[in-house]
Amino acid sequence: MLNDNPNIFTGNPLDRAGNQRRNPDWVAAQRDHADAQMLVISKADPLIIRDTPKSRLSWLTLDALTLLRGEPELVLLGLENDSPRYAVNVTGQEEAFSGMGEFAVLRQAAPYLSPRDLSVAGQAVWLISWHYRHRHCAKDGGPTVLADGGFKRINPATGAEHFPRTDPVAIVLPTFGDEVCMGRGVNFPEGFFSAFAGFLEPCETLEECGVRELKEEAGLDVREIEYAFSQPWPFPSSLMVGFEAKVASKELTLDPDEIAEARWFSRTEIEAMLAPGRSEPPFAPPPFAIAHQLLKRWVCR
């Protein structure tokens, strides 16, 4: 199953060094490693080198830290062949890296980066974004400091610990016979359809979330729900958990606050929507989206 996941941001090759990073001395020693490298992030945009037809991440040695003002926090992503790989937030100091690459919006760069680079960039963007949003403690508002190489923050005054959060989302493709249903969200462009999705609520399983979302958004009653695969989604910190669900009928009752329109599609229509270079609506989600892979999985059965 680990090798069968078709979604981007999966298959991260780095050893996250979960045991070693709890040792502050070990973490400190990694900064002196001869092969240590870092990926710089501006807001949520990694520095990349644009090549044709592919691009690649721009890895820099830690000597580049001297280009930055202040004391930037180095976030340890993990080890590659025992060599540490870091990420660092350079927002506001982008000019220091002129000529070393360009900062790219990760969604837009996704089609041009390798699966390996995407998985590492996704982790880097996720962690850097979390650290930026959690510089103060939710308990008393006090400042927090990086710990465990960047996989934790601590409030030194109270000892309160904060860990990188993940916001689970159930995304569901409903089926009835040989058809699937997709909806167009109120903020989607005309002609663009996707699976139905929603965030997990307190004390709810992911399956229950998927059943609830289909009922709330489309009025569909689920008879069976089957897990397909999941996808990390670093915008900023979601885990998309994909399901396929057999529903009791095709009758739709839409939530107008969430869904502008929805319709049922035949297998032939979905095959045409997934074809590369399609230029006429209706449109399916792009290949880097888990909804695209759910559709592809269903068509290939």
C-alpha atoms as a PDB file:
ATOM      1  CA  MET A   1       0.000   0.000   0.000  1.00  0.00           C
ATOM      2  CA  LEU A   2       2.853   2.415   0.784  1.00  0.00           C
ATOM      3  CA  ASN A   3       4.178   2.160  -2.756  1.00  0.00           C
ATOM      4  CA  ASP A   4       0.765   2.306  -4.411  1.00  0.00           C
ATOM      5  CA  ASN A   5      -0.226   5.815  -3.339  1.00  0.00           C
ATOM      6  CA  PRO A   6      -0.464   7.910  -6.546  1.00  0.00           C
ATOM      7  CA  ASN A   7      -0.735  11.276  -4.805  1.00  0.00           C
ATOM      8  CA  ILE A   8       1.915  13.983  -4.664  1.00  0.00           C
ATOM      9  CA  PHE A   9       3.545  15.018  -1.359  1.00  0.00           C
ATOM     10  CA  THR A  10       3.736  11.316  -0.417  1.00  0.00           C
ATOM     11  CA  GLY A  11       6.793   9.055  -0.288  1.00  0.00           C
ATOM     12  CA  ASN A  12       9.116  11.424   1.588  1.00  0.00           C
ATOM     13  CA  PRO A  13      12.585   9.794   1.401  1.00  0.00           C
ATOM     14  CA  LEU A  14      14.077  11.532   4.451  1.00  0.00           C
ATOM     15  CA  ASP A  15      14.728   9.748   7.721  1.00  0.00           C
ATOM     16  CA  ARG A  16      12.941  12.009  10.196  1.00  0.00           C
ATOM     17  CA  ALA A  17      15.272  10.885  13.006  1.00  0.00           C
ATOM     18  CA  GLY A  18      12.435  10.735  15.508  1.00  0.00           C
ATOM     19  CA  ASN A  19      14.551   9.200  18.275  1.00  0.00           C
ATOM     20  CA  GLN A  20      17.747  11.197  17.760  1.00  0.00           C
ATOM     21  CA  ARG A  21      16.103  14.610  17.524  1.00  0.00           C
ATOM     22  CA  ARG A  22      14.961  14.377  21.148  1.00  0.00           C
ATOM     23  CA  ASN A  23      18.632  14.724  22.135  1.00  0.00           C
ATOM     24  CA  PRO A  24      19.608  18.438  22.085  1.00  0.00           C
ATOM     25  CA  ASP A  25      23.310  17.583  21.792  1.00  0.00           C
ATOM     26  CA  TRP A  26      22.692  15.423  18.729  1.00  0.00           C
ATOM     27  CA  VAL A  27      20.530  18.146  17.165  1.00  0.00           C
ATOM     28  CA  ALA A  28      23.229  20.774  17.785  1.00  0.00           C
ATOM     29  CA  ALA A  29      25.914  18.538  16.289  1.00  0.00           C
ATOM     30  CA  GLN A  30      24.012  18.203  13.013  1.00  0.00           C
ATOM     31  CA  ARG A  31      24.622  21.854  12.205  1.00  0.00           C
ATOM     32  CA  ASP A  32      28.340  21.094  11.943  1.00  0.00           C
ATOM     33  CA  HIS A  33      27.873  18.196   9.534  1.00  0.00           C
ATOM     34  CA  ALA A  34      29.979  18.717   6.404  1.00  0.00           C
ATOM     35  CA  ASP A  35      27.103  17.791   4.087  1.00  0.00           C
ATOM     36  CA  ALA A  36      24.322  19.704   5.840  1.00  0.00           C
ATOM     37  CA  GLN A  37      22.005  21.552   3.441  1.00  0.00           C
ATOM     38  CA  MET A  38      18.956  23.760   3.766  1.00  0.00           C
ATOM     39  CA  LEU A  39      15.920  24.762   1.748  1.00  0.00           C
ATOM     40  CA  VAL A  40      14.858  28.392   2.118  1.00  0.00           C
ATOM     41  CA  ILE A  41      11.163  29.255   2.244  1.00  0.00           C
ATOM     42  CA  SER A  42       9.559  32.656   1.698  1.00  0.00           C
ATOM     43  CA  LYS A  43       6.058  32.653   3.177  1.00  0.00           C
ATOM     44  CA  ALA A  44       5.015  29.280   1.713  1.00  0.00           C
ATOM     45  CA  ASP A  45       7.180  29.403  -1.420  1.00  0.00           C
ATOM     46  CA  PRO A  46      10.344  27.275  -1.683  1.00  0.00           C
ATOM     47  CA  LEU A  47      13.419  28.391  -3.604  1.00  0.00           C
ATOM     48  CA  ILE A  48      13.684  26.351  -6.806  1.00  0.00           C
ATOM     49  CA  ILE A  49      15.877  26.225  -9.892  1.00  0.00           C
ATOM     50  CA  ARG A  50      13.824  26.299 -13.058  1.00  0.00           C
ATOM     51  CA  ASP A  51      14.942  23.854 -15.721  1.00  0.00           C
ATOM     52  CA  THR A  52      13.148  22.717 -18.870  1.00  0.00           C
ATOM     53  CA  PRO A  53      11.059  20.642 -18.782  1.00  0.00           C
ATOM     54  CA  LYS A  54      11.612  19.949 -15.068  1.00  0.00           C
ATOM     55  CA  SER A  55      12.603  22.076 -12.100  1.00  0.00           C
ATOM     56  CA  ARG A  56      14.361  21.170  -8.861  1.00  0.00           C
ATOM     57  CA  LEU A  57      14.719  22.439  -5.323  1.00  0.00           C
ATOM     58  CA  SER A  58      17.596  24.827  -4.683  1.00  0.00           C
ATOM     59  CA  TRP A  59      19.546  23.296  -1.774  1.00  0.00           C
ATOM     60  CA  LEU A  60      22.092  25.578  -0.097  1.00  0.00           C
ATOM     61  CA  THR A  61      24.859  24.956   2.406  1.00  0.00           C
ATOM     62  CA  LEU A  62      24.441  26.388   5.912  1.00  0.00           C
ATOM     63  CA  ASP A  63      27.020  29.049   5.025  1.00  0.00           C
ATOM     64  CA  ALA A  64      24.103  30.886   3.403  1.00  0.00           C
ATOM     65  CA  LEU A  65      22.763  31.621   6.900  1.00  0.00           C
ATOM     66  CA  THR A  66      25.317  34.446   7.063  1.00  0.00           C
ATOM     67  CA  LEU A  67      23.260  36.257   4.422  1.00  0.00           C
ATOM     68  CA  LEU A  68      20.340  36.604   6.843  1.00  0.00           C
ATOM     69  CA  ARG A  69      19.672  39.198   9.499  1.00  0.00           C
ATOM     70  CA  GLY A  70      18.917  38.095  13.037  1.00  0.00           C
ATOM     71  CA  GLU A  71      18.971  34.486  14.227  1.00  0.00           C
ATOM     72  CA  PRO A  72      16.795  32.403  11.906  1.00  0.00           C
ATOM     73  CA  GLU A  73      15.328  29.150  13.207  1.00  0.00           C
ATOM     74  CA  LEU A  74      16.641  26.064  11.441  1.00  0.00           C
ATOM     75  CA  VAL A  75      13.993  23.357  11.171  1.00  0.00           C
ATOM     76  CA  LEU A  76      15.429  19.863  10.803  1.00  0.00           C
ATOM     77  CA  LEU A  77      13.461  17.982   8.136  1.00  0.00           C
ATOM     78  CA  GLY A  78      15.454  14.765   8.494  1.00  0.00           C
ATOM     79  CA  LEU A  79      18.467  12.891   7.205  1.00  0.00           C
ATOM     80  CA  GLU A  80      19.415  11.956   3.666  1.00  0.00           C
ATOM     81  CA  ASN A  81      22.117   9.274   3.735  1.00  0.00           C
ATOM     82  CA  ASP A  82      22.932  10.460   7.290  1.00  0.00           C
ATOM     83  CA  SER A  83      23.304  14.076   6.101  1.00  0.00           C
ATOM     84  CA  PRO A  84      20.936  16.617   7.706  1.00  0.00           C
ATOM     85  CA  ARG A  85      18.415  18.531   5.621  1.00  0.00           C
ATOM     86  CA  TYR A  86      16.908  21.730   6.984  1.00  0.00           C
ATOM     87  CA  ALA A  87      14.312  24.361   6.132  1.00  0.00           C
ATOM     88  CA  VAL A  88      14.483  28.023   7.133  1.00  0.00           C
ATOM     89  CA  ASN A  89      12.013  30.898   6.870  1.00  0.00           C
ATOM     90  CA  VAL A  90      13.507  33.855   4.951  1.00  0.00           C
ATOM     91  CA  THR A  91      10.330  35.901   4.536  1.00  0.00           C
ATOM     92  CA  GLY A  92      11.284  39.551   4.124  1.00  0.00           C
ATOM     93  CA  GLN A  93      14.879  38.717   3.186  1.00  0.00           C
ATOM     94  CA  GLU A  94      14.340  37.174  -0.219  1.00  0.00           C
ATOM     95  CA  GLU A  95      16.776  39.550  -1.914  1.00  0.00           C
ATOM     96  CA  ALA A  96      19.671  37.774  -0.164  1.00  0.00           C
ATOM     97  CA  PHE A  97      19.131  34.784  -2.440  1.00  0.00           C
ATOM     98  CA  SER A  98      19.067  36.593  -5.754  1.00  0.00           C
ATOM     99  CA  GLY A  99      20.706  34.462  -8.433  1.00  0.00           C
ATOM    100  CA  MET A 100      20.339  31.235  -6.445  1.00  0.00           C
ATOM    101  CA  GLY A 101      16.931  30.375  -7.861  1.00  0.00           C
ATOM    102  CA  GLU A 102      13.422  31.774  -7.622  1.00  0.00           C
ATOM    103  CA  PHE A 103      10.697  31.468  -5.038  1.00  0.00           C
ATOM    104  CA  ALA A 104       7.833  29.476  -6.536  1.00  0.00           C
ATOM    105  CA  VAL A 105       4.231  28.993  -5.476  1.00  0.00           C
ATOM    106  CA  LEU A 106       4.226  25.299  -4.641  1.00  0.00           C
ATOM    107  CA  ARG A 107       0.888  24.537  -6.300  1.00  0.00           C
ATOM    108  CA  GLN A 108       2.061  26.116  -9.544  1.00  0.00           C
ATOM    109  CA  ALA A 109       5.449  24.415  -9.411  1.00  0.00           C
ATOM    110  CA  ALA A 110       3.975  20.977  -8.637  1.00  0.00           C
ATOM    111  CA  PRO A 111       3.796  19.769 -12.271  1.00  0.00           C
ATOM    112  CA  TYR A 112       7.489  20.577 -12.793  1.00  0.00           C
ATOM    113  CA  LEU A 113       9.082  19.120  -9.656  1.00  0.00           C
ATOM    114  CA  SER A 114       9.957  15.468  -9.120  1.00  0.00           C
ATOM    115  CA  PRO A 115       7.861  13.395  -6.691  1.00  0.00           C
ATOM    116  CA  ARG A 116      10.813  13.309  -4.319  1.00  0.00           C
ATOM    117  CA  ASP A 117      11.262  17.090  -4.355  1.00  0.00           C
ATOM    118  CA  LEU A 118       7.536  17.624  -3.883  1.00  0.00           C
ATOM    119  CA  SER A 119       7.380  15.382  -0.839  1.00  0.00           C
ATOM    120  CA  VAL A 120      10.291  17.185   0.841  1.00  0.00           C
ATOM    121  CA  ALA A 121       9.077  20.647  -0.182  1.00  0.00           C
ATOM    122  CA  GLY A 122       5.628  19.831   1.179  1.00  0.00           C
ATOM    123  CA  GLN A 123       7.089  18.877   4.557  1.00  0.00           C
ATOM    124  CA  ALA A 124       9.255  22.006   4.607  1.00  0.00           C
ATOM    125  CA  VAL A 125       6.406  24.370   3.738  1.00  0.00           C
ATOM    126  CA  TRP A 126       4.125  22.667   6.267  1.00  0.00           C
ATOM    127  CA  LEU A 127       6.595  22.995   9.139  1.00  0.00           C
ATOM    128  CA  ILE A 128       7.755  26.515   8.324  1.00  0.00           C
ATOM    129  CA  SER A 129       4.128  27.689   8.121  1.00  0.00           C
ATOM    130  CA  TRP A 130       3.316  26.041  11.449  1.00  0.00           C
ATOM    131  CA  HIS A 131       6.290  27.610  13.213  1.00  0.00           C
ATOM    132  CA  TYR A 132       5.326  31.033  11.868  1.00  0.00           C
ATOM    133  CA  ARG A 133       1.773  30.667  13.224  1.00  0.00           C
ATOM    134  CA  HIS A 134       2.785  29.312  16.643  1.00  0.00           C
ATOM    135  CA  ARG A 135       5.375  31.741  17.927  1.00  0.00           C
ATOM    136  CA  HIS A 136       3.174  32.334  20.969  1.00  0.00           C
ATOM    137  CA  CYS A 137       1.648  29.876  23.395  1.00  0.00           C
ATOM    138  CA  ALA A 138      -2.071  29.149  23.236  1.00  0.00           C
ATOM    139  CA  LYS A 139      -2.071  28.713  27.028  1.00  0.00           C
ATOM    140  CA  ASP A 140      -0.817  32.119  28.185  1.00  0.00           C
ATOM    141  CA  GLY A 141       0.305  34.002  25.073  1.00  0.00           C
ATOM    142  CA  GLY A 142       3.964  33.771  26.022  1.00  0.00           C
ATOM    143  CA  PRO A 143       6.699  33.339  23.414  1.00  0.00           C
ATOM    144  CA  THR A 144       7.614  29.801  22.337  1.00  0.00           C
ATOM    145  CA  VAL A 145      10.955  28.392  21.215  1.00  0.00           C
ATOM    146  CA  LEU A 146      11.838  25.628  18.780  1.00  0.00           C
ATOM    147  CA  ALA A 147      12.613  22.157  20.216  1.00  0.00           C
ATOM    148  CA  ASP A 148      13.273  18.614  18.961  1.00  0.00           C
ATOM    149  CA  GLY A 149      14.913  20.026  15.853  1.00  0.00           C
ATOM    150  CA  GLY A 150      11.684  21.780  14.861  1.00  0.00           C
ATOM    151  CA  PHE A 151       9.068  19.106  15.547  1.00  0.00           C
ATOM    152  CA  LYS A 152       7.942  20.847  18.718  1.00  0.00           C
ATOM    153  CA  ARG A 153       7.722  24.290  20.312  1.00  0.00           C
ATOM    154  CA  ILE A 154       7.959  24.940  24.040  1.00  0.00           C
ATOM    155  CA  ASN A 155       6.891  27.839  26.239  1.00  0.00           C
ATOM    156  CA  PRO A 156       9.984  28.235  28.456  1.00  0.00           C
ATOM    157  CA  ALA A 157       7.981  29.986  31.180  1.00  0.00           C
ATOM    158  CA  THR A 158       5.342  27.285  31.654  1.00  0.00           C
ATOM    159  CA  GLY A 159       6.795  24.207  29.966  1.00  0.00           C
ATOM    160  CA  ALA A 160       3.724  23.951  27.733  1.00  0.00           C
ATOM    161  CA  GLU A 161       4.481  21.922  24.600  1.00  0.00           C
ATOM    162  CA  HIS A 162       3.030  22.482  21.140  1.00  0.00           C
ATOM    163  CA  PHE A 163       3.291  20.037  18.247  1.00  0.00           C
ATOM    164  CA  PRO A 164       2.793  20.553  14.503  1.00  0.00           C
ATOM    165  CA  ARG A 165      -0.886  20.170  13.794  1.00  0.00           C
ATOM    166  CA  THR A 166      -2.636  18.235  11.085  1.00  0.00           C
ATOM    167  CA  ASP A 167      -6.201  19.052  10.035  1.00  0.00           C
ATOM    168  CA  PRO A 168      -7.838  15.884   8.618  1.00  0.00           C
ATOM    169  CA  VAL A 169     -10.277  16.222   5.724  1.00  0.00           C
ATOM    170  CA  ALA A 170     -12.537  13.476   4.380  1.00  0.00           C
ATOM    171  CA  ILE A 171     -12.923  13.771   0.603  1.00  0.00           C
ATOM    172  CA  VAL A 172     -15.551  11.474  -0.866  1.00  0.00           C
ATOM    173  CA  LEU A 173     -16.501  10.357  -4.367  1.00  0.00           C
ATOM    174  CA  PRO A 174     -20.126   9.143  -4.326  1.00  0.00           C
ATOM    175  CA  THR A 175     -21.168   6.409  -6.761  1.00  0.00           C
ATOM    176  CA  PHE A 176     -24.480   4.967  -7.904  1.00  0.00           C
ATOM    177  CA  GLY A 177     -24.319   2.087 -10.332  1.00  0.00           C
ATOM    178  CA  ASP A 178     -21.891   3.094 -13.078  1.00  0.00           C
ATOM    179  CA  GLU A 179     -21.973   6.837 -12.363  1.00  0.00           C
ATOM    180  CA  VAL A 180     -20.214   9.203 -10.004  1.00  0.00           C
ATOM    181  CA  CYS A 181     -21.374  12.529  -8.617  1.00  0.00           C
ATOM    182  CA  MET A 182     -19.286  15.667  -8.354  1.00  0.00           C
ATOM    183  CA  GLY A 183     -20.072  19.169  -7.239  1.00  0.00           C
ATOM    184  CA  ARG A 184     -18.950  22.682  -8.076  1.00  0.00           C
ATOM    185  CA  GLY A 185     -18.153  24.668  -4.947  1.00  0.00           C
ATOM    186  CA  VAL A 186     -19.453  28.202  -4.694  1.00  0.00           C
ATOM    187  CA  ASN A 187     -15.909  29.519  -5.179  1.00  0.00           C
ATOM    188  CA  PHE A 188     -15.020  27.178  -8.065  1.00  0.00           C
ATOM    189  CA  PRO A 189     -14.851  28.503 -11.634  1.00  0.00           C
ATOM    190  CA  GLU A 190     -17.637  27.652 -14.054  1.00  0.00           C
ATOM    191  CA  GLY A 191     -17.414  24.142 -15.385  1.00  0.00           C
ATOM    192  CA  PHE A 192     -15.051  22.840 -12.678  1.00  0.00           C
ATOM    193  CA  PHE A 193     -16.274  19.847 -10.647  1.00  0.00           C
ATOM    194  CA  SER A 194     -14.709  17.859  -7.841  1.00  0.00           C
ATOM    195  CA  ALA A 195     -15.429  15.340  -5.088  1.00  0.00           C
ATOM    196  CA  PHE A 196     -17.126  16.432  -1.858  1.00  0.00           C
ATOM    197  CA  ALA A 197     -14.951  17.255   1.144  1.00  0.00           C
ATOM    198  CA  GLY A 198     -15.055  18.594   4.663  1.00  0.00           C
ATOM    199  CA  PHE A 199     -12.982  18.878   7.818  1.00  0.00           C
ATOM    200  CA  LEU A 200     -13.183  16.273  10.552  1.00  0.00           C
ATOM    201  CA  GLU A 201     -15.253  17.471  13.511  1.00  0.00           C
ATOM    202  CA  PRO A 202     -14.597  16.708  17.218  1.00  0.00           C
ATOM    203  CA  CYS A 203     -15.123  13.079  18.285  1.00  0.00           C
ATOM    204  CA  GLU A 204     -15.891  11.916  14.747  1.00  0.00           C
ATOM    205  CA  THR A 205     -14.289   9.156  12.679  1.00  0.00           C
ATOM    206  CA  LEU A 206     -13.127   9.913   9.166  1.00  0.00           C
ATOM    207  CA  GLU A 207     -15.791   7.573   7.789  1.00  0.00           C
ATOM    208  CA  GLU A 208     -18.467   9.388   9.793  1.00  0.00           C
ATOM    209  CA  CYS A 209     -17.108  12.687   8.484  1.00  0.00           C
ATOM    210  CA  GLY A 210     -17.421  11.489   4.889  1.00  0.00           C
ATOM    211  CA  VAL A 211     -20.980  10.258   5.431  1.00  0.00           C
ATOM    212  CA  ARG A 212     -21.959  13.523   7.111  1.00  0.00           C
ATOM    213  CA  GLU A 213     -20.392  15.722   4.438  1.00  0.00           C
ATOM    214  CA  LEU A 214     -22.227  13.948   1.609  1.00  0.00           C
ATOM    215  CA  LYS A 215     -25.510  14.334   3.461  1.00  0.00           C
ATOM    216  CA  GLU A 216     -24.940  17.998   4.325  1.00  0.00           C
ATOM    217  CA  GLU A 217     -23.564  19.142   0.968  1.00  0.00           C
ATOM    218  CA  ALA A 218     -25.491  16.977  -1.493  1.00  0.00           C
ATOM    219  CA  GLY A 219     -28.307  15.282   0.450  1.00  0.00           C
ATOM    220  CA  LEU A 220     -26.918  11.838  -0.382  1.00  0.00           C
ATOM    221  CA  ASP A 221     -27.361   8.874   1.978  1.00  0.00           C
ATOM    222  CA  VAL A 222     -24.364   6.544   2.125  1.00  0.00           C
ATOM    223  CA  ARG A 223     -24.839   2.767   2.109  1.00  0.00           C
ATOM    224  CA  GLU A 224     -21.162   1.758   1.993  1.00  0.00           C
ATOM    225  CA  ILE A 225     -17.961   3.760   2.322  1.00  0.00           C
ATOM    226  CA  GLU A 226     -14.503   2.502   1.360  1.00  0.00           C
ATOM    227  CA  TYR A 227     -11.106   4.033   2.141  1.00  0.00           C
ATOM    228  CA  ALA A 228      -8.935   4.605  -0.945  1.00  0.00           C
ATOM    229  CA  PHE A 229      -5.744   6.498   0.050  1.00  0.00           C
ATOM    230  CA  SER A 230      -4.608   9.714   1.701  1.00  0.00           C
ATOM    231  CA  GLN A 231      -2.565  12.754   0.729  1.00  0.00           C
ATOM    232  CA  PRO A 232      -0.650  15.307   2.806  1.00  0.00           C
ATOM    233  CA  TRP A 233      -1.779  18.764   1.709  1.00  0.00           C
ATOM    234  CA  PRO A 234       0.537  21.524   2.982  1.00  0.00           C
ATOM    235  CA  PHE A 235      -1.842  24.468   2.341  1.00  0.00           C
ATOM    236  CA  PRO A 236      -1.226  24.925   5.172  1.00  0.00           C
ATOM    237  CA  SER A 237      -1.617  21.676   7.173  1.00  0.00           C
ATOM    238  CA  SER A 238      -4.291  19.238   5.990  1.00  0.00           C
ATOM    239  CA  LEU A 239      -4.359  15.494   5.477  1.00  0.00           C
ATOM    240  CA  MET A 240      -6.793  14.630   2.690  1.00  0.00           C
ATOM    241  CA  VAL A 241      -8.293  11.191   3.335  1.00  0.00           C
ATOM    242  CA  GLY A 242      -9.976   9.817   0.222  1.00  0.00           C
ATOM    243  CA  PHE A 243     -13.057   7.601   0.169  1.00  0.00           C
ATOM    244  CA  GLU A 244     -15.422   6.113  -2.379  1.00  0.00           C
ATOM    245  CA  ALA A 245     -19.038   5.787  -1.225  1.00  0.00           C
ATOM    246  CA  LYS A 246     -22.029   3.909  -2.609  1.00  0.00           C
ATOM    247  CA  VAL A 247     -25.183   5.949  -2.073  1.00  0.00           C
ATOM    248  CA  ALA A 248     -28.841   4.977  -1.816  1.00  0.00           C
ATOM    249  CA  SER A 249     -30.169   7.135  -4.677  1.00  0.00           C
ATOM    250  CA  LYS A 250     -29.170   9.794  -7.195  1.00  0.00           C
ATOM    251  CA  GLU A 251     -31.527  12.441  -5.789  1.00  0.00           C
ATOM    252  CA  LEU A 252     -29.581  15.588  -4.870  1.00  0.00           C
ATOM    253  CA  THR A 253     -30.395  18.256  -2.291  1.00  0.00           C
ATOM    254  CA  LEU A 254     -27.617  20.831  -2.343  1.00  0.00           C
ATOM    255  CA  ASP A 255     -26.413  23.154   0.393  1.00  0.00           C
ATOM    256  CA  PRO A 256     -26.415  26.506  -1.471  1.00  0.00           C
ATOM    257  CA  ASP A 257     -23.831  27.958   0.909  1.00  0.00           C
ATOM    258  CA  GLU A 258     -21.308  25.288  -0.133  1.00  0.00           C
ATOM    259  CA  ILE A 259     -22.290  23.832  -3.519  1.00  0.00           C
ATOM    260  CA  ALA A 260     -23.281  25.904  -6.556  1.00  0.00           C
ATOM    261  CA  GLU A 261     -24.226  22.881  -8.652  1.00  0.00           C
ATOM    262  CA  ALA A 262     -23.744  19.113  -8.801  1.00  0.00           C
ATOM    263  CA  ARG A 263     -24.410  16.396 -11.346  1.00  0.00           C
ATOM    264  CA  TRP A 264     -23.878  12.737 -12.107  1.00  0.00           C
ATOM    265  CA  PHE A 265     -21.243  11.671 -14.636  1.00  0.00           C
ATOM    266  CA  SER A 266     -20.935   8.477 -16.640  1.00  0.00           C
ATOM    267  CA  ARG A 267     -17.712   6.500 -16.964  1.00  0.00           C
ATOM    268  CA  THR A 268     -17.283   7.751 -20.519  1.00  0.00           C
ATOM    269  CA  GLU A 269     -17.627  11.365 -19.384  1.00  0.00           C
ATOM    270  CA  ILE A 270     -15.058  10.900 -16.616  1.00  0.00           C
ATOM    271  CA  GLU A 271     -12.589   9.269 -19.002  1.00  0.00           C
ATOM    272  CA  ALA A 272     -12.916  12.291 -21.297  1.00  0.00           C
ATOM    273  CA  MET A 273     -12.507  14.741 -18.398  1.00  0.00           C
ATOM    274  CA  LEU A 274      -9.298  13.022 -17.272  1.00  0.00           C
ATOM    275  CA  ALA A 275      -7.749  13.079 -20.754  1.00  0.00           C
ATOM    276  CA  PRO A 276      -4.610  15.277 -20.976  1.00  0.00           C
ATOM    277  CA  GLY A 277      -5.085  18.609 -22.706  1.00  0.00           C
ATOM    278  CA  ARG A 278      -8.846  18.783 -22.276  1.00  0.00           C
ATOM    279  CA  SER A 279      -9.987  22.283 -23.245  1.00  0.00           C
ATOM    280  CA  GLU A 280     -13.770  22.189 -22.897  1.00  0.00           C
ATOM    281  CA  PRO A 281     -15.912  21.982 -19.750  1.00  0.00           C
ATOM    282  CA  PRO A 282     -16.752  20.167 -17.623  1.00  0.00           C
ATOM    283  CA  PHE A 283     -13.306  19.992 -16.049  1.00  0.00           C
ATOM    284  CA  ALA A 284     -11.961  17.529 -13.483  1.00  0.00           C
ATOM    285  CA  PRO A 285      -9.404  18.430 -10.802  1.00  0.00           C
ATOM    286  CA  PRO A 286      -5.748  18.428 -11.970  1.00  0.00           C
ATOM    287  CA  PRO A 287      -3.556  15.333 -11.487  1.00  0.00           C
ATOM    288  CA  PHE A 288      -1.873  16.681  -8.331  1.00  0.00           C
ATOM    289  CA  ALA A 289      -5.259  16.742  -6.516  1.00  0.00           C
ATOM    290  CA  ILE A 290      -6.478  13.673  -4.642  1.00  0.00           C
ATOM    291  CA  ALA A 291      -9.918  14.071  -6.255  1.00  0.00           C
ATOM    292  CA  HIS A 292      -8.304  13.440  -9.656  1.00  0.00           C
ATOM    293  CA  GLN A 293      -6.732  10.244  -8.362  1.00  0.00           C
ATOM    294  CA  LEU A 294     -10.043   9.096  -6.858  1.00  0.00           C
ATOM    295  CA  LEU A 295     -11.668   9.532 -10.273  1.00  0.00           C
ATOM    296  CA  LYS A 296      -8.807   7.737 -11.993  1.00  0.00           C
ATOM    297  CA  ARG A 297      -9.038   4.866  -9.502  1.00  0.00           C
ATOM    298  CA  TRP A 298     -12.773   4.526 -10.158  1.00  0.00           C
ATOM    299  CA  VAL A 299     -12.409   4.621 -13.943  1.00  0.00           C
ATOM    300  CA  CYS A 300      -9.677   1.993 -13.924  1.00  0.00           C
ATOM    301  CA  ARG A 301     -11.720  -0.552 -11.994  1.00  0.00           C
END
